[in-house]
Each structure stands twice: as structure tokens, then as C-alpha cells.
Amino acid sequence: MEPAYATAVMLVAALADRQVPLAWRSHLLAVLNHLTGGEQEDIAARFKEAVRGCTEILFEEIATGRCAMAAAYAFEVSTEFADLRDRLRTHQVEARAYLPEDLRPGHLDLDALQGLTPRAAEATPARA
């Protein structure tokens, strides 16, 4: 997982570049989402630093609905930031049409995710 930080920085830069085709955004966000499952705490903290700089981009992806897969991955990456839960909850309600069923209100309880890694959260009944 050591390359995760450098990879995250490059992915964030690519997401910030409006020249990157829309078709690739969901792929970039998918990789970013997979990197959130790291188990090494020091690398996970650095990874979150890199991603912290693009939270506005993540919320934009959720809110615009340009690509449902991109919105879903952006939503899942955003769940890593406990301090953004209230804002994410608002987006969960307002952009529910752009999110897969399992991420919509009534299916995913954001409060149940606190303190869980994305992998552990997938195993909770709230994700079912």
C-alpha cells in the first residue's frame, strides 16, 4: 500500500482536471475507492490527506448525476470523512436518484459507518 498516497495524489489531480473525459471519471473514482480499504494506519492517514483536497469534487460528482457510477464511488469515498457526514447525508437525500439503491436513505445508515473501514461497513446490515 505504500504507493497508495502517490496514486491518490495523481487521481485527485486527474479528477480536478476538466480535460479528463467524463467516461474516465468513474474509473478514477473506482481506484480511489479501492484504495480507501488500506489496512496500514500511517498510509491510510496520508491517503486521507491527499483525498481531503478533493472533497468538493466528490460532492460535485454526487450532486450532478453526470455518471451514476462516478456518483456512487464518490459517495463511498466520502464516507471516509466523519466530519463530512452531515453534508453527505444531505447529498444522500437530495441526489438519491443518482445513487445505487444500497447507498440511498433507508438502505445505508451513515451513522452506522462511524469507526468502520469501508470493508467492515460492507458487512453491516445497514449496507444490505
C-alpha atoms as a PDB file:
ATOM      1  CA  MET A   1       0.000   0.000   0.000  1.00  0.00           C
ATOM      2  CA  GLU A   2       2.991   2.357   0.092  1.00  0.00           C
ATOM      3  CA  PRO A   3       2.239   3.639  -3.456  1.00  0.00           C
ATOM      4  CA  ALA A   4      -1.342   4.438  -2.379  1.00  0.00           C
ATOM      5  CA  TYR A   5      -0.501   8.003  -1.378  1.00  0.00           C
ATOM      6  CA  ALA A   6       1.248   8.841  -4.645  1.00  0.00           C
ATOM      7  CA  THR A   7      -1.524   7.145  -6.587  1.00  0.00           C
ATOM      8  CA  ALA A   8      -4.162   9.087  -4.656  1.00  0.00           C
ATOM      9  CA  VAL A   9      -2.393  12.381  -5.385  1.00  0.00           C
ATOM     10  CA  MET A  10      -2.338  11.579  -9.099  1.00  0.00           C
ATOM     11  CA  LEU A  11      -6.002  10.508  -9.091  1.00  0.00           C
ATOM     12  CA  VAL A  12      -7.053  13.690  -7.277  1.00  0.00           C
ATOM     13  CA  ALA A  13      -5.119  15.781  -9.795  1.00  0.00           C
ATOM     14  CA  ALA A  14      -6.788  13.950 -12.666  1.00  0.00           C
ATOM     15  CA  LEU A  15     -10.244  14.466 -11.134  1.00  0.00           C
ATOM     16  CA  ALA A  16      -9.537  18.189 -10.789  1.00  0.00           C
ATOM     17  CA  ASP A  17      -8.597  18.425 -14.483  1.00  0.00           C
ATOM     18  CA  ARG A  18     -11.701  19.200 -16.527  1.00  0.00           C
ATOM     19  CA  GLN A  19      -9.891  17.896 -19.615  1.00  0.00           C
ATOM     20  CA  VAL A  20     -10.207  14.327 -18.312  1.00  0.00           C
ATOM     21  CA  PRO A  21     -13.118  12.768 -20.207  1.00  0.00           C
ATOM     22  CA  LEU A  22     -16.288  12.104 -18.258  1.00  0.00           C
ATOM     23  CA  ALA A  23     -16.100   8.427 -19.220  1.00  0.00           C
ATOM     24  CA  TRP A  24     -12.867   8.083 -17.223  1.00  0.00           C
ATOM     25  CA  ARG A  25     -14.070   9.800 -14.038  1.00  0.00           C
ATOM     26  CA  SER A  26     -15.871   6.723 -12.734  1.00  0.00           C
ATOM     27  CA  HIS A  27     -12.726   4.644 -13.309  1.00  0.00           C
ATOM     28  CA  LEU A  28     -10.572   7.161 -11.422  1.00  0.00           C
ATOM     29  CA  LEU A  29     -13.058   7.234  -8.570  1.00  0.00           C
ATOM     30  CA  ALA A  30     -13.247   3.423  -8.527  1.00  0.00           C
ATOM     31  CA  VAL A  31      -9.493   3.195  -7.964  1.00  0.00           C
ATOM     32  CA  LEU A  32      -9.687   5.912  -5.316  1.00  0.00           C
ATOM     33  CA  ASN A  33     -12.473   3.957  -3.622  1.00  0.00           C
ATOM     34  CA  HIS A  34     -10.474   0.723  -3.651  1.00  0.00           C
ATOM     35  CA  LEU A  35      -7.502   2.491  -2.100  1.00  0.00           C
ATOM     36  CA  THR A  36      -9.618   3.525   0.892  1.00  0.00           C
ATOM     37  CA  GLY A  37      -9.568  -0.086   2.070  1.00  0.00           C
ATOM     38  CA  GLY A  38      -5.925   0.063   3.130  1.00  0.00           C
ATOM     39  CA  GLU A  39      -5.013  -1.574   6.419  1.00  0.00           C
ATOM     40  CA  GLN A  40      -1.837   0.330   7.313  1.00  0.00           C
ATOM     41  CA  GLU A  41      -2.846   3.244   9.550  1.00  0.00           C
ATOM     42  CA  ASP A  42       0.068   5.563   8.654  1.00  0.00           C
ATOM     43  CA  ILE A  43      -0.541   5.140   4.927  1.00  0.00           C
ATOM     44  CA  ALA A  44      -4.311   5.442   5.393  1.00  0.00           C
ATOM     45  CA  ALA A  45      -3.810   8.785   7.163  1.00  0.00           C
ATOM     46  CA  ARG A  46      -1.620  10.089   4.338  1.00  0.00           C
ATOM     47  CA  PHE A  47      -4.114   8.795   1.805  1.00  0.00           C
ATOM     48  CA  LYS A  48      -6.915  10.701   3.510  1.00  0.00           C
ATOM     49  CA  GLU A  49      -4.759  13.854   3.408  1.00  0.00           C
ATOM     50  CA  ALA A  50      -4.493  13.522  -0.348  1.00  0.00           C
ATOM     51  CA  VAL A  51      -8.199  12.890  -0.811  1.00  0.00           C
ATOM     52  CA  ARG A  52      -9.200  15.661   1.618  1.00  0.00           C
ATOM     53  CA  GLY A  53      -8.203  18.164  -1.059  1.00  0.00           C
ATOM     54  CA  CYS A  54     -10.836  16.893  -3.476  1.00  0.00           C
ATOM     55  CA  THR A  55     -13.906  16.590  -1.279  1.00  0.00           C
ATOM     56  CA  GLU A  56     -15.623  19.369  -3.245  1.00  0.00           C
ATOM     57  CA  ILE A  57     -15.049  17.365  -6.415  1.00  0.00           C
ATOM     58  CA  LEU A  58     -16.528  14.289  -4.728  1.00  0.00           C
ATOM     59  CA  PHE A  59     -19.649  16.196  -3.700  1.00  0.00           C
ATOM     60  CA  GLU A  60     -19.939  17.657  -7.199  1.00  0.00           C
ATOM     61  CA  GLU A  61     -19.875  14.148  -8.668  1.00  0.00           C
ATOM     62  CA  ILE A  62     -22.650  13.082  -6.310  1.00  0.00           C
ATOM     63  CA  ALA A  63     -24.819  16.132  -6.910  1.00  0.00           C
ATOM     64  CA  THR A  64     -24.600  16.437 -10.692  1.00  0.00           C
ATOM     65  CA  GLY A  65     -25.571  12.913 -11.655  1.00  0.00           C
ATOM     66  CA  ARG A  66     -23.434  13.109 -14.806  1.00  0.00           C
ATOM     67  CA  CYS A  67     -22.470   9.497 -14.247  1.00  0.00           C
ATOM     68  CA  ALA A  68     -24.205   7.197 -11.757  1.00  0.00           C
ATOM     69  CA  MET A  69     -21.092   5.076 -11.204  1.00  0.00           C
ATOM     70  CA  ALA A  70     -18.946   8.136 -10.546  1.00  0.00           C
ATOM     71  CA  ALA A  71     -21.557   9.405  -8.063  1.00  0.00           C
ATOM     72  CA  ALA A  72     -21.592   6.045  -6.279  1.00  0.00           C
ATOM     73  CA  TYR A  73     -17.810   5.844  -5.980  1.00  0.00           C
ATOM     74  CA  ALA A  74     -17.560   9.490  -4.902  1.00  0.00           C
ATOM     75  CA  PHE A  75     -20.188   8.835  -2.247  1.00  0.00           C
ATOM     76  CA  GLU A  76     -18.339   5.785  -0.935  1.00  0.00           C
ATOM     77  CA  VAL A  77     -15.012   7.630  -0.800  1.00  0.00           C
ATOM     78  CA  SER A  78     -16.712  10.497   1.063  1.00  0.00           C
ATOM     79  CA  THR A  79     -17.876   8.135   3.805  1.00  0.00           C
ATOM     80  CA  GLU A  80     -14.254   8.002   4.974  1.00  0.00           C
ATOM     81  CA  PHE A  81     -14.557  11.513   6.421  1.00  0.00           C
ATOM     82  CA  ALA A  82     -16.627  11.523   9.607  1.00  0.00           C
ATOM     83  CA  ASP A  83     -16.646  15.323   9.708  1.00  0.00           C
ATOM     84  CA  LEU A  84     -18.462  15.376   6.354  1.00  0.00           C
ATOM     85  CA  ARG A  85     -21.270  13.018   7.405  1.00  0.00           C
ATOM     86  CA  ASP A  86     -23.938  15.731   7.784  1.00  0.00           C
ATOM     87  CA  ARG A  87     -23.179  17.132   4.351  1.00  0.00           C
ATOM     88  CA  LEU A  88     -23.019  13.635   2.904  1.00  0.00           C
ATOM     89  CA  ARG A  89     -26.381  12.829   4.474  1.00  0.00           C
ATOM     90  CA  THR A  90     -27.871  15.880   2.714  1.00  0.00           C
ATOM     91  CA  HIS A  91     -26.410  14.721  -0.599  1.00  0.00           C
ATOM     92  CA  GLN A  92     -27.669  11.205   0.073  1.00  0.00           C
ATOM     93  CA  VAL A  93     -31.214  12.564   0.223  1.00  0.00           C
ATOM     94  CA  GLU A  94     -31.010  15.214  -2.494  1.00  0.00           C
ATOM     95  CA  ALA A  95     -29.087  13.106  -5.020  1.00  0.00           C
ATOM     96  CA  ARG A  96     -30.720   9.759  -4.249  1.00  0.00           C
ATOM     97  CA  ALA A  97     -31.802   9.376  -7.872  1.00  0.00           C
ATOM     98  CA  TYR A  98     -28.127   9.296  -8.884  1.00  0.00           C
ATOM     99  CA  LEU A  99     -27.084   6.721  -6.293  1.00  0.00           C
ATOM    100  CA  PRO A 100     -27.469   2.947  -6.380  1.00  0.00           C
ATOM    101  CA  GLU A 101     -30.214   1.561  -4.166  1.00  0.00           C
ATOM    102  CA  ASP A 102     -27.805   0.347  -1.464  1.00  0.00           C
ATOM    103  CA  LEU A 103     -26.444   3.880  -0.913  1.00  0.00           C
ATOM    104  CA  ARG A 104     -29.835   5.590  -0.655  1.00  0.00           C
ATOM    105  CA  PRO A 105     -31.527   6.686   2.564  1.00  0.00           C
ATOM    106  CA  GLY A 106     -33.287   3.779   4.207  1.00  0.00           C
ATOM    107  CA  HIS A 107     -30.671   1.332   2.933  1.00  0.00           C
ATOM    108  CA  LEU A 108     -27.428   2.878   4.161  1.00  0.00           C
ATOM    109  CA  ASP A 109     -27.282   4.454   7.598  1.00  0.00           C
ATOM    110  CA  LEU A 110     -24.298   6.802   7.572  1.00  0.00           C
ATOM    111  CA  ASP A 111     -24.216   6.882  11.375  1.00  0.00           C
ATOM    112  CA  ALA A 112     -23.631   3.129  11.407  1.00  0.00           C
ATOM    113  CA  LEU A 113     -20.435   3.647   9.411  1.00  0.00           C
ATOM    114  CA  GLN A 114     -18.652   5.676  12.071  1.00  0.00           C
ATOM    115  CA  GLY A 115     -15.471   3.994  13.117  1.00  0.00           C
ATOM    116  CA  LEU A 116     -15.733   1.342  10.429  1.00  0.00           C
ATOM    117  CA  THR A 117     -13.490   0.814   7.471  1.00  0.00           C
ATOM    118  CA  PRO A 118     -15.250   0.568   4.091  1.00  0.00           C
ATOM    119  CA  ARG A 119     -14.710  -3.199   4.048  1.00  0.00           C
ATOM    120  CA  ALA A 120     -16.245  -3.628   7.521  1.00  0.00           C
ATOM    121  CA  ALA A 121     -19.116  -1.307   6.630  1.00  0.00           C
ATOM    122  CA  GLU A 122     -19.994  -3.526   3.672  1.00  0.00           C
ATOM    123  CA  ALA A 123     -20.625  -6.376   6.096  1.00  0.00           C
ATOM    124  CA  THR A 124     -23.056  -4.429   8.283  1.00  0.00           C
ATOM    125  CA  PRO A 125     -26.806  -4.921   7.904  1.00  0.00           C
ATOM    126  CA  ALA A 126     -27.121  -1.211   7.049  1.00  0.00           C
ATOM    127  CA  ARG A 127     -25.493  -1.934   3.662  1.00  0.00           C
ATOM    128  CA  ALA A 128     -27.717  -4.907   2.915  1.00  0.00           C
END
